Amino acid sequence: MKYLPSISVIVVALFCFTLTGCMTQTGVKQSEQFIETTYKILEASSIVYSNAMESASVLYREGKINEFQKHDILAIGTKFWSAYHAATDALIVYRKVQDAEGMAKINVALTEVSKVSGELLGYVNTFLNKEEVPK
């Protein structure tokens, strides 16, 4: 648990580098690479989400997160899943038509996924190595 901040920074950095690479690709042949990269980003983001929520669960059981903070984390998690599903829906449509508009929609959705993932990790990380909070 004490290694989560450094691990989360690495994961977010890799996630952002992958996202940047995804956003710069164009052309027909690169469309397949764009799709593959998008799948990888979505997979990585779901891992980030799972790890952050598991960490939050442990922190809650240890008494380091109160009910209000738990609610905040769950609200951010809901925002994440909305963005994640918007990206997966956009990817499904893009696979059928493979046009610039679809690629733009995916990029917008992935940007939101990245933003909310960072928000979730940042918020959970604020509670690491803290003493119990009053209930």
C-alpha atoms as a PDB file:
ATOM      1  CA  MET A   1       0.000   0.000   0.000  1.00  0.00           C
ATOM      2  CA  LYS A   2       2.829   2.426   0.751  1.00  0.00           C
ATOM      3  CA  TYR A   3       4.073   2.076  -2.850  1.00  0.00           C
ATOM      4  CA  LEU A   4       0.773   3.171  -4.418  1.00  0.00           C
ATOM      5  CA  PRO A   5       1.735   6.835  -4.960  1.00  0.00           C
ATOM      6  CA  SER A   6       4.827   6.000  -7.001  1.00  0.00           C
ATOM      7  CA  ILE A   7       3.046   3.228  -8.890  1.00  0.00           C
ATOM      8  CA  SER A   8       0.078   5.464  -9.662  1.00  0.00           C
ATOM      9  CA  VAL A   9       2.356   8.210 -10.995  1.00  0.00           C
ATOM     10  CA  ILE A  10       4.003   5.694 -13.331  1.00  0.00           C
ATOM     11  CA  VAL A  11       0.664   4.293 -14.483  1.00  0.00           C
ATOM     12  CA  VAL A  12      -0.759   7.764 -15.152  1.00  0.00           C
ATOM     13  CA  ALA A  13       2.413   8.781 -17.038  1.00  0.00           C
ATOM     14  CA  LEU A  14       2.264   5.670 -19.227  1.00  0.00           C
ATOM     15  CA  PHE A  15      -1.442   6.192 -19.739  1.00  0.00           C
ATOM     16  CA  CYS A  16      -0.901   9.798 -20.872  1.00  0.00           C
ATOM     17  CA  PHE A  17       1.944   8.846 -23.231  1.00  0.00           C
ATOM     18  CA  THR A  18      -0.236   6.171 -24.797  1.00  0.00           C
ATOM     19  CA  LEU A  19      -3.116   8.628 -25.097  1.00  0.00           C
ATOM     20  CA  THR A  20      -0.874  11.166 -26.813  1.00  0.00           C
ATOM     21  CA  GLY A  21       0.254   8.544 -29.310  1.00  0.00           C
ATOM     22  CA  CYS A  22      -3.336   7.577 -29.971  1.00  0.00           C
ATOM     23  CA  MET A  23      -4.380  11.133 -30.720  1.00  0.00           C
ATOM     24  CA  THR A  24      -1.725  11.761 -33.369  1.00  0.00           C
ATOM     25  CA  GLN A  25      -2.457   8.869 -35.743  1.00  0.00           C
ATOM     26  CA  THR A  26      -4.175   9.325 -39.111  1.00  0.00           C
ATOM     27  CA  GLY A  27      -4.673   7.390 -42.358  1.00  0.00           C
ATOM     28  CA  VAL A  28      -6.267   4.104 -43.359  1.00  0.00           C
ATOM     29  CA  LYS A  29      -3.485   1.749 -42.263  1.00  0.00           C
ATOM     30  CA  GLN A  30      -3.033   3.686 -39.042  1.00  0.00           C
ATOM     31  CA  SER A  31      -6.734   3.236 -38.329  1.00  0.00           C
ATOM     32  CA  GLU A  32      -6.070  -0.335 -37.209  1.00  0.00           C
ATOM     33  CA  GLN A  33      -3.255   0.875 -34.983  1.00  0.00           C
ATOM     34  CA  PHE A  34      -5.550   3.608 -33.622  1.00  0.00           C
ATOM     35  CA  ILE A  35      -8.148   0.969 -32.730  1.00  0.00           C
ATOM     36  CA  GLU A  36      -5.556  -1.274 -31.089  1.00  0.00           C
ATOM     37  CA  THR A  37      -4.078   1.619 -29.122  1.00  0.00           C
ATOM     38  CA  THR A  38      -7.535   2.702 -28.010  1.00  0.00           C
ATOM     39  CA  TYR A  39      -8.233  -0.808 -26.708  1.00  0.00           C
ATOM     40  CA  LYS A  40      -4.953  -0.721 -24.783  1.00  0.00           C
ATOM     41  CA  ILE A  41      -5.784   2.663 -23.280  1.00  0.00           C
ATOM     42  CA  LEU A  42      -9.207   1.432 -22.200  1.00  0.00           C
ATOM     43  CA  GLU A  43      -7.680  -1.695 -20.682  1.00  0.00           C
ATOM     44  CA  ALA A  44      -5.051   0.330 -18.814  1.00  0.00           C
ATOM     45  CA  SER A  45      -7.643   2.791 -17.564  1.00  0.00           C
ATOM     46  CA  SER A  46      -9.845   0.009 -16.204  1.00  0.00           C
ATOM     47  CA  ILE A  47      -6.813  -1.349 -14.320  1.00  0.00           C
ATOM     48  CA  VAL A  48      -6.118   2.112 -12.885  1.00  0.00           C
ATOM     49  CA  TYR A  49      -9.763   2.382 -11.817  1.00  0.00           C
ATOM     50  CA  SER A  50      -9.755  -1.076 -10.213  1.00  0.00           C
ATOM     51  CA  ASN A  51      -6.545  -0.410  -8.307  1.00  0.00           C
ATOM     52  CA  ALA A  52      -7.726   2.988  -7.088  1.00  0.00           C
ATOM     53  CA  MET A  53     -11.058   1.587  -5.920  1.00  0.00           C
ATOM     54  CA  GLU A  54      -9.355  -1.352  -4.200  1.00  0.00           C
ATOM     55  CA  SER A  55      -7.016   1.059  -2.427  1.00  0.00           C
ATOM     56  CA  ALA A  56      -9.984   3.190  -1.395  1.00  0.00           C
ATOM     57  CA  SER A  57     -11.693   0.090  -0.034  1.00  0.00           C
ATOM     58  CA  VAL A  58      -8.646  -0.795   2.063  1.00  0.00           C
ATOM     59  CA  LEU A  59      -8.346   2.785   3.314  1.00  0.00           C
ATOM     60  CA  TYR A  60     -12.027   2.778   4.277  1.00  0.00           C
ATOM     61  CA  ARG A  61     -11.652  -0.493   6.191  1.00  0.00           C
ATOM     62  CA  GLU A  62      -8.604   0.954   7.973  1.00  0.00           C
ATOM     63  CA  GLY A  63     -10.637   3.990   9.008  1.00  0.00           C
ATOM     64  CA  LYS A  64      -8.623   6.440   6.916  1.00  0.00           C
ATOM     65  CA  ILE A  65     -11.638   7.414   4.803  1.00  0.00           C
ATOM     66  CA  ASN A  66     -14.974   8.428   6.300  1.00  0.00           C
ATOM     67  CA  GLU A  67     -18.452   8.049   4.788  1.00  0.00           C
ATOM     68  CA  PHE A  68     -18.391  11.462   3.092  1.00  0.00           C
ATOM     69  CA  GLN A  69     -15.007  10.774   1.489  1.00  0.00           C
ATOM     70  CA  LYS A  70     -16.194   7.320   0.430  1.00  0.00           C
ATOM     71  CA  HIS A  71     -19.188   8.972  -1.234  1.00  0.00           C
ATOM     72  CA  ASP A  72     -16.866  11.406  -3.050  1.00  0.00           C
ATOM     73  CA  ILE A  73     -14.714   8.525  -4.306  1.00  0.00           C
ATOM     74  CA  LEU A  74     -17.775   6.636  -5.529  1.00  0.00           C
ATOM     75  CA  ALA A  75     -18.990   9.791  -7.316  1.00  0.00           C
ATOM     76  CA  ILE A  76     -15.648  10.162  -9.108  1.00  0.00           C
ATOM     77  CA  GLY A  77     -15.781   6.443  -9.933  1.00  0.00           C
ATOM     78  CA  THR A  78     -19.204   6.954 -11.510  1.00  0.00           C
ATOM     79  CA  LYS A  79     -17.817   9.816 -13.617  1.00  0.00           C
ATOM     80  CA  PHE A  80     -14.978   7.511 -14.684  1.00  0.00           C
ATOM     81  CA  TRP A  81     -17.346   4.747 -15.799  1.00  0.00           C
ATOM     82  CA  SER A  82     -19.484   7.236 -17.735  1.00  0.00           C
ATOM     83  CA  ALA A  83     -16.411   8.465 -19.618  1.00  0.00           C
ATOM     84  CA  TYR A  84     -15.110   4.915 -20.067  1.00  0.00           C
ATOM     85  CA  HIS A  85     -18.389   3.723 -21.566  1.00  0.00           C
ATOM     86  CA  ALA A  86     -18.624   6.797 -23.795  1.00  0.00           C
ATOM     87  CA  ALA A  87     -15.176   5.874 -25.147  1.00  0.00           C
ATOM     88  CA  THR A  88     -16.104   2.225 -25.686  1.00  0.00           C
ATOM     89  CA  ASP A  89     -19.341   3.235 -27.423  1.00  0.00           C
ATOM     90  CA  ALA A  90     -17.427   5.664 -29.657  1.00  0.00           C
ATOM     91  CA  LEU A  91     -14.924   2.910 -30.468  1.00  0.00           C
ATOM     92  CA  ILE A  92     -17.708   0.514 -31.481  1.00  0.00           C
ATOM     93  CA  VAL A  93     -19.102   3.112 -33.891  1.00  0.00           C
ATOM     94  CA  TYR A  94     -15.637   4.013 -35.182  1.00  0.00           C
ATOM     95  CA  ARG A  95     -14.828   0.389 -36.000  1.00  0.00           C
ATOM     96  CA  LYS A  96     -17.811   0.374 -38.375  1.00  0.00           C
ATOM     97  CA  VAL A  97     -17.259   3.691 -40.171  1.00  0.00           C
ATOM     98  CA  GLN A  98     -13.623   4.654 -39.449  1.00  0.00           C
ATOM     99  CA  ASP A  99     -14.056   8.343 -40.137  1.00  0.00           C
ATOM    100  CA  ALA A 100     -12.410  11.470 -38.739  1.00  0.00           C
ATOM    101  CA  GLU A 101     -15.500  12.396 -36.730  1.00  0.00           C
ATOM    102  CA  GLY A 102     -15.461   9.035 -34.976  1.00  0.00           C
ATOM    103  CA  MET A 103     -11.776   9.364 -34.208  1.00  0.00           C
ATOM    104  CA  ALA A 104     -12.390  12.825 -32.764  1.00  0.00           C
ATOM    105  CA  LYS A 105     -15.186  11.483 -30.547  1.00  0.00           C
ATOM    106  CA  ILE A 106     -12.897   8.748 -29.244  1.00  0.00           C
ATOM    107  CA  ASN A 107     -10.160  11.266 -28.515  1.00  0.00           C
ATOM    108  CA  VAL A 108     -12.554  13.519 -26.597  1.00  0.00           C
ATOM    109  CA  ALA A 109     -13.841  10.559 -24.586  1.00  0.00           C
ATOM    110  CA  LEU A 110     -10.321   9.253 -23.881  1.00  0.00           C
ATOM    111  CA  THR A 111      -9.259  12.698 -22.720  1.00  0.00           C
ATOM    112  CA  GLU A 112     -12.117  12.646 -20.221  1.00  0.00           C
ATOM    113  CA  VAL A 113     -11.187   9.104 -19.129  1.00  0.00           C
ATOM    114  CA  SER A 114      -7.619  10.291 -18.531  1.00  0.00           C
ATOM    115  CA  LYS A 115      -8.763  13.388 -16.626  1.00  0.00           C
ATOM    116  CA  VAL A 116     -11.138  11.492 -14.357  1.00  0.00           C
ATOM    117  CA  SER A 117      -8.584   8.698 -13.779  1.00  0.00           C
ATOM    118  CA  GLY A 118      -6.112  11.322 -12.585  1.00  0.00           C
ATOM    119  CA  GLU A 119      -8.773  12.910 -10.391  1.00  0.00           C
ATOM    120  CA  LEU A 120      -9.614   9.540  -8.836  1.00  0.00           C
ATOM    121  CA  LEU A 121      -5.986   8.593  -8.208  1.00  0.00           C
ATOM    122  CA  GLY A 122      -5.163  12.028  -6.844  1.00  0.00           C
ATOM    123  CA  TYR A 123      -8.065  11.988  -4.427  1.00  0.00           C
ATOM    124  CA  VAL A 124      -7.375   8.450  -3.183  1.00  0.00           C
ATOM    125  CA  ASN A 125      -3.666   9.230  -2.810  1.00  0.00           C
ATOM    126  CA  THR A 126      -4.441  12.107  -0.418  1.00  0.00           C
ATOM    127  CA  PHE A 127      -5.518   9.548   2.166  1.00  0.00           C
ATOM    128  CA  LEU A 128      -2.472   7.310   2.015  1.00  0.00           C
ATOM    129  CA  ASN A 129      -0.267   7.242   5.127  1.00  0.00           C
ATOM    130  CA  LYS A 130      -2.819   9.182   7.155  1.00  0.00           C
ATOM    131  CA  GLU A 131      -4.049   8.294  10.593  1.00  0.00           C
ATOM    132  CA  GLU A 132      -7.676   7.356  11.160  1.00  0.00           C
ATOM    133  CA  VAL A 133     -10.159  10.114  10.438  1.00  0.00           C
ATOM    134  CA  PRO A 134     -12.975  11.002  12.818  1.00  0.00           C
ATOM    135  CA  LYS A 135     -16.287   9.448  11.808  1.00  0.00           C
END
